[in-house]
């Protein structure tokens, strides 16, 4: 059984392994530093865990003030041996639940969740589109020269349901 829960500092080894396997970090020590620094900056980490093994992570941040009802999905990553088994979908659902809890505690609701991904990361594009994200815009040469970033967004109604066509203003 896979458990989705908020990360704890004690998860650092497992989280570092996921970061090392999935992102441009040189080694486990750098991955641990990324985790520590992002926690200091206010990033929220959620883990997928099975039998005390971290299978994957999703991280998010509040964008500006809670009244803006806007959050950014910063990272979603799963260990290679667990990819394609529904772990990312579980993490995404856990993220939505945690975001909704956060905003409800602050007297608001989650209105929009967005993310940035490399133009070349077509596997991620397919996943994001499958779960309801829409390609909103492209940022030219955003992180690296010659590498554009896609902005994907998903909107929610008053009840927290995904709005399939947010530009359709009825």
C-alpha atoms as a PDB file:
ATOM      1  CA  UNK A   1       0.000   0.000   0.000  1.00  0.00           C
ATOM      2  CA  UNK A   2       1.326   3.427  -0.971  1.00  0.00           C
ATOM      3  CA  UNK A   3       0.931   6.205   1.586  1.00  0.00           C
ATOM      4  CA  UNK A   4       0.879   9.872   0.551  1.00  0.00           C
ATOM      5  CA  UNK A   5       1.968  12.185   3.366  1.00  0.00           C
ATOM      6  CA  UNK A   6       3.823  15.377   4.175  1.00  0.00           C
ATOM      7  CA  UNK A   7       7.579  14.924   4.181  1.00  0.00           C
ATOM      8  CA  UNK A   8       9.629  15.086   7.369  1.00  0.00           C
ATOM      9  CA  UNK A   9      13.278  16.049   7.729  1.00  0.00           C
ATOM     10  CA  UNK A  10      13.942  12.398   8.587  1.00  0.00           C
ATOM     11  CA  UNK A  11      12.984  11.552   4.970  1.00  0.00           C
ATOM     12  CA  UNK A  12      16.105  13.320   3.693  1.00  0.00           C
ATOM     13  CA  UNK A  13      17.893  10.158   2.472  1.00  0.00           C
ATOM     14  CA  UNK A  14      14.908   8.908   0.467  1.00  0.00           C
ATOM     15  CA  UNK A  15      14.087  12.341  -0.909  1.00  0.00           C
ATOM     16  CA  UNK A  16      17.726  12.892  -1.892  1.00  0.00           C
ATOM     17  CA  UNK A  17      17.680   9.603  -3.790  1.00  0.00           C
ATOM     18  CA  UNK A  18      14.588  10.685  -5.758  1.00  0.00           C
ATOM     19  CA  UNK A  19      16.126  14.093  -6.495  1.00  0.00           C
ATOM     20  CA  UNK A  20      19.412  12.506  -7.614  1.00  0.00           C
ATOM     21  CA  UNK A  21      17.604  10.088  -9.948  1.00  0.00           C
ATOM     22  CA  UNK A  22      15.314  12.729 -11.434  1.00  0.00           C
ATOM     23  CA  UNK A  23      17.031  16.119 -11.531  1.00  0.00           C
ATOM     24  CA  UNK A  24      20.291  17.756 -12.495  1.00  0.00           C
ATOM     25  CA  UNK A  25      22.110  17.231  -9.177  1.00  0.00           C
ATOM     26  CA  UNK A  26      25.619  15.812  -9.034  1.00  0.00           C
ATOM     27  CA  UNK A  27      25.373  13.597  -5.970  1.00  0.00           C
ATOM     28  CA  UNK A  28      23.358  12.679  -2.877  1.00  0.00           C
ATOM     29  CA  UNK A  29      24.947  15.441  -0.787  1.00  0.00           C
ATOM     30  CA  UNK A  30      23.881  18.098  -3.294  1.00  0.00           C
ATOM     31  CA  UNK A  31      20.382  16.580  -3.363  1.00  0.00           C
ATOM     32  CA  UNK A  32      20.195  16.782   0.451  1.00  0.00           C
ATOM     33  CA  UNK A  33      21.247  20.419   0.246  1.00  0.00           C
ATOM     34  CA  UNK A  34      18.500  21.110  -2.322  1.00  0.00           C
ATOM     35  CA  UNK A  35      15.930  19.601   0.065  1.00  0.00           C
ATOM     36  CA  UNK A  36      17.178  21.607   3.058  1.00  0.00           C
ATOM     37  CA  UNK A  37      17.334  24.878   1.098  1.00  0.00           C
ATOM     38  CA  UNK A  38      13.881  24.439  -0.404  1.00  0.00           C
ATOM     39  CA  UNK A  39      12.391  23.751   3.030  1.00  0.00           C
ATOM     40  CA  UNK A  40      14.000  26.981   4.300  1.00  0.00           C
ATOM     41  CA  UNK A  41      12.426  28.851   1.372  1.00  0.00           C
ATOM     42  CA  UNK A  42       8.952  27.576   2.273  1.00  0.00           C
ATOM     43  CA  UNK A  43       8.562  24.749  -0.228  1.00  0.00           C
ATOM     44  CA  UNK A  44       6.156  22.012   0.805  1.00  0.00           C
ATOM     45  CA  UNK A  45       7.240  18.409   0.172  1.00  0.00           C
ATOM     46  CA  UNK A  46       4.850  15.478  -0.101  1.00  0.00           C
ATOM     47  CA  UNK A  47       6.137  11.917  -0.400  1.00  0.00           C
ATOM     48  CA  UNK A  48       4.784   8.634  -1.702  1.00  0.00           C
ATOM     49  CA  UNK A  49       5.976   5.918   0.652  1.00  0.00           C
ATOM     50  CA  UNK A  50       5.702   2.154   0.595  1.00  0.00           C
ATOM     51  CA  UNK A  51       7.183  -0.042   3.319  1.00  0.00           C
ATOM     52  CA  UNK A  52       9.406   2.814   4.578  1.00  0.00           C
ATOM     53  CA  UNK A  53      10.754   3.501   1.077  1.00  0.00           C
ATOM     54  CA  UNK A  54      10.233   6.909  -0.546  1.00  0.00           C
ATOM     55  CA  UNK A  55       8.996   6.148  -4.077  1.00  0.00           C
ATOM     56  CA  UNK A  56       8.454   9.713  -5.210  1.00  0.00           C
ATOM     57  CA  UNK A  57       7.921  13.326  -4.262  1.00  0.00           C
ATOM     58  CA  UNK A  58       5.859  16.316  -5.223  1.00  0.00           C
ATOM     59  CA  UNK A  59       6.768  19.818  -4.077  1.00  0.00           C
ATOM     60  CA  UNK A  60       4.793  23.020  -4.174  1.00  0.00           C
ATOM     61  CA  UNK A  61       4.819  26.621  -3.045  1.00  0.00           C
ATOM     62  CA  UNK A  62       2.268  29.293  -2.354  1.00  0.00           C
ATOM     63  CA  UNK A  63       2.552  32.012  -4.949  1.00  0.00           C
ATOM     64  CA  UNK A  64       2.615  35.355  -3.156  1.00  0.00           C
ATOM     65  CA  UNK A  65      -0.371  35.759  -0.789  1.00  0.00           C
ATOM     66  CA  UNK A  66      -3.067  33.175   0.042  1.00  0.00           C
ATOM     67  CA  UNK A  67      -5.749  35.597  -1.202  1.00  0.00           C
ATOM     68  CA  UNK A  68      -4.393  35.117  -4.732  1.00  0.00           C
ATOM     69  CA  UNK A  69      -5.430  31.433  -4.495  1.00  0.00           C
ATOM     70  CA  UNK A  70      -2.451  30.432  -6.615  1.00  0.00           C
ATOM     71  CA  UNK A  71       0.106  27.651  -6.085  1.00  0.00           C
ATOM     72  CA  UNK A  72       3.065  26.385  -8.086  1.00  0.00           C
ATOM     73  CA  UNK A  73       3.863  22.720  -8.533  1.00  0.00           C
ATOM     74  CA  UNK A  74       7.667  22.848  -8.378  1.00  0.00           C
ATOM     75  CA  UNK A  75       8.684  19.205  -8.707  1.00  0.00           C
ATOM     76  CA  UNK A  76       7.077  15.854  -9.236  1.00  0.00           C
ATOM     77  CA  UNK A  77       9.409  12.882  -9.479  1.00  0.00           C
ATOM     78  CA  UNK A  78       9.306   9.133  -8.998  1.00  0.00           C
ATOM     79  CA  UNK A  79      12.165   6.651  -8.756  1.00  0.00           C
ATOM     80  CA  UNK A  80      12.705   5.016 -12.168  1.00  0.00           C
ATOM     81  CA  UNK A  81      11.661   1.548 -11.005  1.00  0.00           C
ATOM     82  CA  UNK A  82       8.253   2.869  -9.880  1.00  0.00           C
ATOM     83  CA  UNK A  83       7.422   5.029 -12.920  1.00  0.00           C
ATOM     84  CA  UNK A  84       4.355   4.123 -14.954  1.00  0.00           C
ATOM     85  CA  UNK A  85       2.648   2.543 -11.935  1.00  0.00           C
ATOM     86  CA  UNK A  86       0.344   5.384 -10.910  1.00  0.00           C
ATOM     87  CA  UNK A  87       2.614   6.903  -8.249  1.00  0.00           C
ATOM     88  CA  UNK A  88       2.687  10.332  -9.940  1.00  0.00           C
ATOM     89  CA  UNK A  89      -1.115  10.395 -10.102  1.00  0.00           C
ATOM     90  CA  UNK A  90      -1.298   9.556  -6.376  1.00  0.00           C
ATOM     91  CA  UNK A  91       1.194  12.328  -5.645  1.00  0.00           C
ATOM     92  CA  UNK A  92      -0.785  14.796  -7.765  1.00  0.00           C
ATOM     93  CA  UNK A  93      -4.019  13.909  -5.950  1.00  0.00           C
ATOM     94  CA  UNK A  94      -2.206  14.306  -2.625  1.00  0.00           C
ATOM     95  CA  UNK A  95      -0.922  17.688  -3.738  1.00  0.00           C
ATOM     96  CA  UNK A  96      -4.421  18.902  -4.598  1.00  0.00           C
ATOM     97  CA  UNK A  97      -5.710  17.691  -1.228  1.00  0.00           C
ATOM     98  CA  UNK A  98      -2.896  19.441   0.679  1.00  0.00           C
ATOM     99  CA  UNK A  99      -3.282  22.672  -1.320  1.00  0.00           C
ATOM    100  CA  UNK A 100      -7.023  22.692  -0.666  1.00  0.00           C
ATOM    101  CA  UNK A 101      -6.432  22.112   3.057  1.00  0.00           C
ATOM    102  CA  UNK A 102      -3.912  24.956   3.165  1.00  0.00           C
ATOM    103  CA  UNK A 103      -6.189  27.442   1.435  1.00  0.00           C
ATOM    104  CA  UNK A 104      -9.238  26.425   3.468  1.00  0.00           C
ATOM    105  CA  UNK A 105      -7.255  27.005   6.695  1.00  0.00           C
ATOM    106  CA  UNK A 106      -6.487  30.517   5.428  1.00  0.00           C
ATOM    107  CA  UNK A 107     -10.073  31.328   4.430  1.00  0.00           C
ATOM    108  CA  UNK A 108      -9.627  30.867   0.692  1.00  0.00           C
ATOM    109  CA  UNK A 109      -9.638  28.152  -1.955  1.00  0.00           C
ATOM    110  CA  UNK A 110      -7.165  26.928  -4.540  1.00  0.00           C
ATOM    111  CA  UNK A 111      -8.110  28.642  -7.792  1.00  0.00           C
ATOM    112  CA  UNK A 112      -5.112  27.868  -9.997  1.00  0.00           C
ATOM    113  CA  UNK A 113      -2.136  25.522  -9.933  1.00  0.00           C
ATOM    114  CA  UNK A 114       0.657  26.066 -12.430  1.00  0.00           C
ATOM    115  CA  UNK A 115       4.059  24.615 -13.267  1.00  0.00           C
ATOM    116  CA  UNK A 116       7.026  25.145 -15.553  1.00  0.00           C
ATOM    117  CA  UNK A 117       8.625  22.337 -17.533  1.00  0.00           C
ATOM    118  CA  UNK A 118      11.331  22.144 -20.179  1.00  0.00           C
ATOM    119  CA  UNK A 119      10.076  22.272 -23.749  1.00  0.00           C
ATOM    120  CA  UNK A 120      12.000  19.046 -24.432  1.00  0.00           C
ATOM    121  CA  UNK A 121      10.356  17.120 -21.565  1.00  0.00           C
ATOM    122  CA  UNK A 122       7.628  15.596 -23.730  1.00  0.00           C
ATOM    123  CA  UNK A 123       6.989  12.706 -21.333  1.00  0.00           C
ATOM    124  CA  UNK A 124       6.049  15.209 -18.627  1.00  0.00           C
ATOM    125  CA  UNK A 125       3.862  17.177 -21.060  1.00  0.00           C
ATOM    126  CA  UNK A 126       1.844  14.051 -21.777  1.00  0.00           C
ATOM    127  CA  UNK A 127       1.374  13.325 -18.079  1.00  0.00           C
ATOM    128  CA  UNK A 128       0.338  16.892 -17.251  1.00  0.00           C
ATOM    129  CA  UNK A 129      -2.153  17.020 -20.110  1.00  0.00           C
ATOM    130  CA  UNK A 130      -3.573  13.622 -19.120  1.00  0.00           C
ATOM    131  CA  UNK A 131      -4.366  14.861 -15.602  1.00  0.00           C
ATOM    132  CA  UNK A 132      -5.980  18.091 -16.796  1.00  0.00           C
ATOM    133  CA  UNK A 133      -3.262  20.711 -17.204  1.00  0.00           C
ATOM    134  CA  UNK A 134      -3.339  22.999 -20.233  1.00  0.00           C
ATOM    135  CA  UNK A 135      -0.299  24.543 -21.932  1.00  0.00           C
ATOM    136  CA  UNK A 136      -0.823  28.215 -21.142  1.00  0.00           C
ATOM    137  CA  UNK A 137       2.277  29.887 -22.593  1.00  0.00           C
ATOM    138  CA  UNK A 138       5.952  29.441 -23.450  1.00  0.00           C
ATOM    139  CA  UNK A 139       8.830  31.316 -21.803  1.00  0.00           C
ATOM    140  CA  UNK A 140      11.701  31.720 -24.258  1.00  0.00           C
ATOM    141  CA  UNK A 141      15.213  30.872 -23.016  1.00  0.00           C
ATOM    142  CA  UNK A 142      13.918  30.897 -19.444  1.00  0.00           C
ATOM    143  CA  UNK A 143      16.426  28.834 -17.430  1.00  0.00           C
ATOM    144  CA  UNK A 144      18.951  28.036 -20.129  1.00  0.00           C
ATOM    145  CA  UNK A 145      19.919  29.630 -23.434  1.00  0.00           C
ATOM    146  CA  UNK A 146      18.163  27.732 -26.217  1.00  0.00           C
ATOM    147  CA  UNK A 147      15.793  25.877 -23.850  1.00  0.00           C
ATOM    148  CA  UNK A 148      12.267  27.215 -23.579  1.00  0.00           C
ATOM    149  CA  UNK A 149       9.961  26.513 -20.660  1.00  0.00           C
ATOM    150  CA  UNK A 150       6.299  25.628 -20.996  1.00  0.00           C
ATOM    151  CA  UNK A 151       3.851  26.969 -18.441  1.00  0.00           C
ATOM    152  CA  UNK A 152       1.065  24.497 -17.729  1.00  0.00           C
ATOM    153  CA  UNK A 153      -1.956  25.482 -15.632  1.00  0.00           C
ATOM    154  CA  UNK A 154      -5.024  23.902 -14.164  1.00  0.00           C
ATOM    155  CA  UNK A 155      -7.986  25.816 -12.740  1.00  0.00           C
ATOM    156  CA  UNK A 156     -10.483  24.824 -10.056  1.00  0.00           C
ATOM    157  CA  UNK A 157     -14.069  25.868  -9.386  1.00  0.00           C
ATOM    158  CA  UNK A 158     -15.557  26.833  -6.006  1.00  0.00           C
ATOM    159  CA  UNK A 159     -15.960  23.150  -5.041  1.00  0.00           C
ATOM    160  CA  UNK A 160     -12.384  22.251  -5.990  1.00  0.00           C
ATOM    161  CA  UNK A 161     -13.265  20.509  -9.252  1.00  0.00           C
ATOM    162  CA  UNK A 162     -11.042  20.934 -12.289  1.00  0.00           C
ATOM    163  CA  UNK A 163     -12.396  23.461 -14.786  1.00  0.00           C
ATOM    164  CA  UNK A 164     -11.798  22.043 -18.242  1.00  0.00           C
ATOM    165  CA  UNK A 165     -12.055  25.355 -20.102  1.00  0.00           C
ATOM    166  CA  UNK A 166     -11.225  28.287 -17.793  1.00  0.00           C
ATOM    167  CA  UNK A 167     -11.294  30.807 -20.650  1.00  0.00           C
ATOM    168  CA  UNK A 168     -14.988  30.066 -21.172  1.00  0.00           C
ATOM    169  CA  UNK A 169     -16.418  32.810 -18.961  1.00  0.00           C
ATOM    170  CA  UNK A 170     -20.146  32.147 -18.615  1.00  0.00           C
END
